[in-house]
């Protein structure tokens, strides 16, 4: 995981949602023009924890108990 955006509920995960972006050439910043690939954010509901012992994705439940 690269970055978490808690206010929008989205995450930036490496090599998961790669999009193509058109980049304009800028010689002052030494940026070469063309089509570049970069990661895009995904919703937090599409992320699962991985079990450290068996390397399988596991589901996690959340519950609130009234007192």
C-alpha atoms as a PDB file:
ATOM      1  CA  UNK A   1       0.000   0.000   0.000  1.00  0.00           C
ATOM      2  CA  UNK A   2       1.364   3.387  -0.967  1.00  0.00           C
ATOM      3  CA  UNK A   3      -1.069   5.890   0.545  1.00  0.00           C
ATOM      4  CA  UNK A   4      -4.394   6.097   2.405  1.00  0.00           C
ATOM      5  CA  UNK A   5      -6.986   8.859   1.958  1.00  0.00           C
ATOM      6  CA  UNK A   6      -9.275   8.504   5.026  1.00  0.00           C
ATOM      7  CA  UNK A   7     -11.504  11.481   4.211  1.00  0.00           C
ATOM      8  CA  UNK A   8     -12.610   9.946   0.886  1.00  0.00           C
ATOM      9  CA  UNK A   9     -12.292   6.263   1.902  1.00  0.00           C
ATOM     10  CA  UNK A  10      -9.849   5.425  -0.890  1.00  0.00           C
ATOM     11  CA  UNK A  11      -6.416   3.779  -1.022  1.00  0.00           C
ATOM     12  CA  UNK A  12      -3.491   3.896  -3.402  1.00  0.00           C
ATOM     13  CA  UNK A  13      -2.151   0.347  -3.841  1.00  0.00           C
ATOM     14  CA  UNK A  14       0.930  -0.471  -5.883  1.00  0.00           C
ATOM     15  CA  UNK A  15       0.332  -2.339  -9.202  1.00  0.00           C
ATOM     16  CA  UNK A  16      -3.440  -2.739  -8.645  1.00  0.00           C
ATOM     17  CA  UNK A  17      -5.286  -0.034 -10.605  1.00  0.00           C
ATOM     18  CA  UNK A  18      -2.886   1.261 -13.244  1.00  0.00           C
ATOM     19  CA  UNK A  19      -4.210   3.912 -15.639  1.00  0.00           C
ATOM     20  CA  UNK A  20      -2.649   5.630 -18.639  1.00  0.00           C
ATOM     21  CA  UNK A  21      -2.157   9.387 -18.478  1.00  0.00           C
ATOM     22  CA  UNK A  22      -1.252  11.692 -21.355  1.00  0.00           C
ATOM     23  CA  UNK A  23       1.714  13.867 -20.371  1.00  0.00           C
ATOM     24  CA  UNK A  24       2.663  17.076 -22.137  1.00  0.00           C
ATOM     25  CA  UNK A  25       6.345  17.709 -22.743  1.00  0.00           C
ATOM     26  CA  UNK A  26       7.959  20.297 -20.449  1.00  0.00           C
ATOM     27  CA  UNK A  27      11.654  20.988 -21.137  1.00  0.00           C
ATOM     28  CA  UNK A  28      12.029  23.239 -18.076  1.00  0.00           C
ATOM     29  CA  UNK A  29      11.194  20.375 -15.713  1.00  0.00           C
ATOM     30  CA  UNK A  30      12.883  17.796 -17.971  1.00  0.00           C
ATOM     31  CA  UNK A  31       9.589  15.934 -18.486  1.00  0.00           C
ATOM     32  CA  UNK A  32       9.326  13.844 -21.621  1.00  0.00           C
ATOM     33  CA  UNK A  33       5.933  13.875 -23.333  1.00  0.00           C
ATOM     34  CA  UNK A  34       3.878  10.810 -24.199  1.00  0.00           C
ATOM     35  CA  UNK A  35       1.651   8.312 -22.432  1.00  0.00           C
ATOM     36  CA  UNK A  36       2.656   7.449 -18.866  1.00  0.00           C
ATOM     37  CA  UNK A  37       1.234   4.793 -16.555  1.00  0.00           C
ATOM     38  CA  UNK A  38       0.376   5.595 -12.954  1.00  0.00           C
ATOM     39  CA  UNK A  39      -1.593   4.032 -10.117  1.00  0.00           C
ATOM     40  CA  UNK A  40      -5.112   5.259  -9.365  1.00  0.00           C
ATOM     41  CA  UNK A  41      -7.014   4.989  -6.087  1.00  0.00           C
ATOM     42  CA  UNK A  42      -9.443   2.181  -5.258  1.00  0.00           C
ATOM     43  CA  UNK A  43     -12.285   2.073  -2.742  1.00  0.00           C
ATOM     44  CA  UNK A  44     -11.496   0.668   0.704  1.00  0.00           C
ATOM     45  CA  UNK A  45     -14.274  -1.934   0.317  1.00  0.00           C
ATOM     46  CA  UNK A  46     -12.230  -3.621  -2.444  1.00  0.00           C
ATOM     47  CA  UNK A  47      -9.259  -4.338  -0.144  1.00  0.00           C
ATOM     48  CA  UNK A  48      -8.825  -7.501   1.909  1.00  0.00           C
ATOM     49  CA  UNK A  49      -6.328  -8.465   4.594  1.00  0.00           C
ATOM     50  CA  UNK A  50      -3.909 -11.306   3.859  1.00  0.00           C
ATOM     51  CA  UNK A  51      -3.385 -14.047   6.437  1.00  0.00           C
ATOM     52  CA  UNK A  52       0.355 -14.094   7.354  1.00  0.00           C
ATOM     53  CA  UNK A  53       0.462 -17.864   7.892  1.00  0.00           C
ATOM     54  CA  UNK A  54      -1.306 -19.126   4.746  1.00  0.00           C
ATOM     55  CA  UNK A  55      -1.038 -16.070   2.404  1.00  0.00           C
ATOM     56  CA  UNK A  56      -4.778 -16.215   1.650  1.00  0.00           C
ATOM     57  CA  UNK A  57      -7.142 -13.212   1.665  1.00  0.00           C
ATOM     58  CA  UNK A  58      -9.392 -13.249   4.735  1.00  0.00           C
ATOM     59  CA  UNK A  59     -12.703 -11.540   5.415  1.00  0.00           C
ATOM     60  CA  UNK A  60     -13.010  -9.292   8.445  1.00  0.00           C
ATOM     61  CA  UNK A  61     -16.316  -8.564  10.150  1.00  0.00           C
ATOM     62  CA  UNK A  62     -17.169  -5.450  12.143  1.00  0.00           C
ATOM     63  CA  UNK A  63     -19.916  -5.345  14.749  1.00  0.00           C
ATOM     64  CA  UNK A  64     -21.227  -2.908  17.347  1.00  0.00           C
ATOM     65  CA  UNK A  65     -22.696  -4.182  20.614  1.00  0.00           C
ATOM     66  CA  UNK A  66     -25.297  -2.107  22.414  1.00  0.00           C
ATOM     67  CA  UNK A  67     -24.955  -1.919  26.183  1.00  0.00           C
END
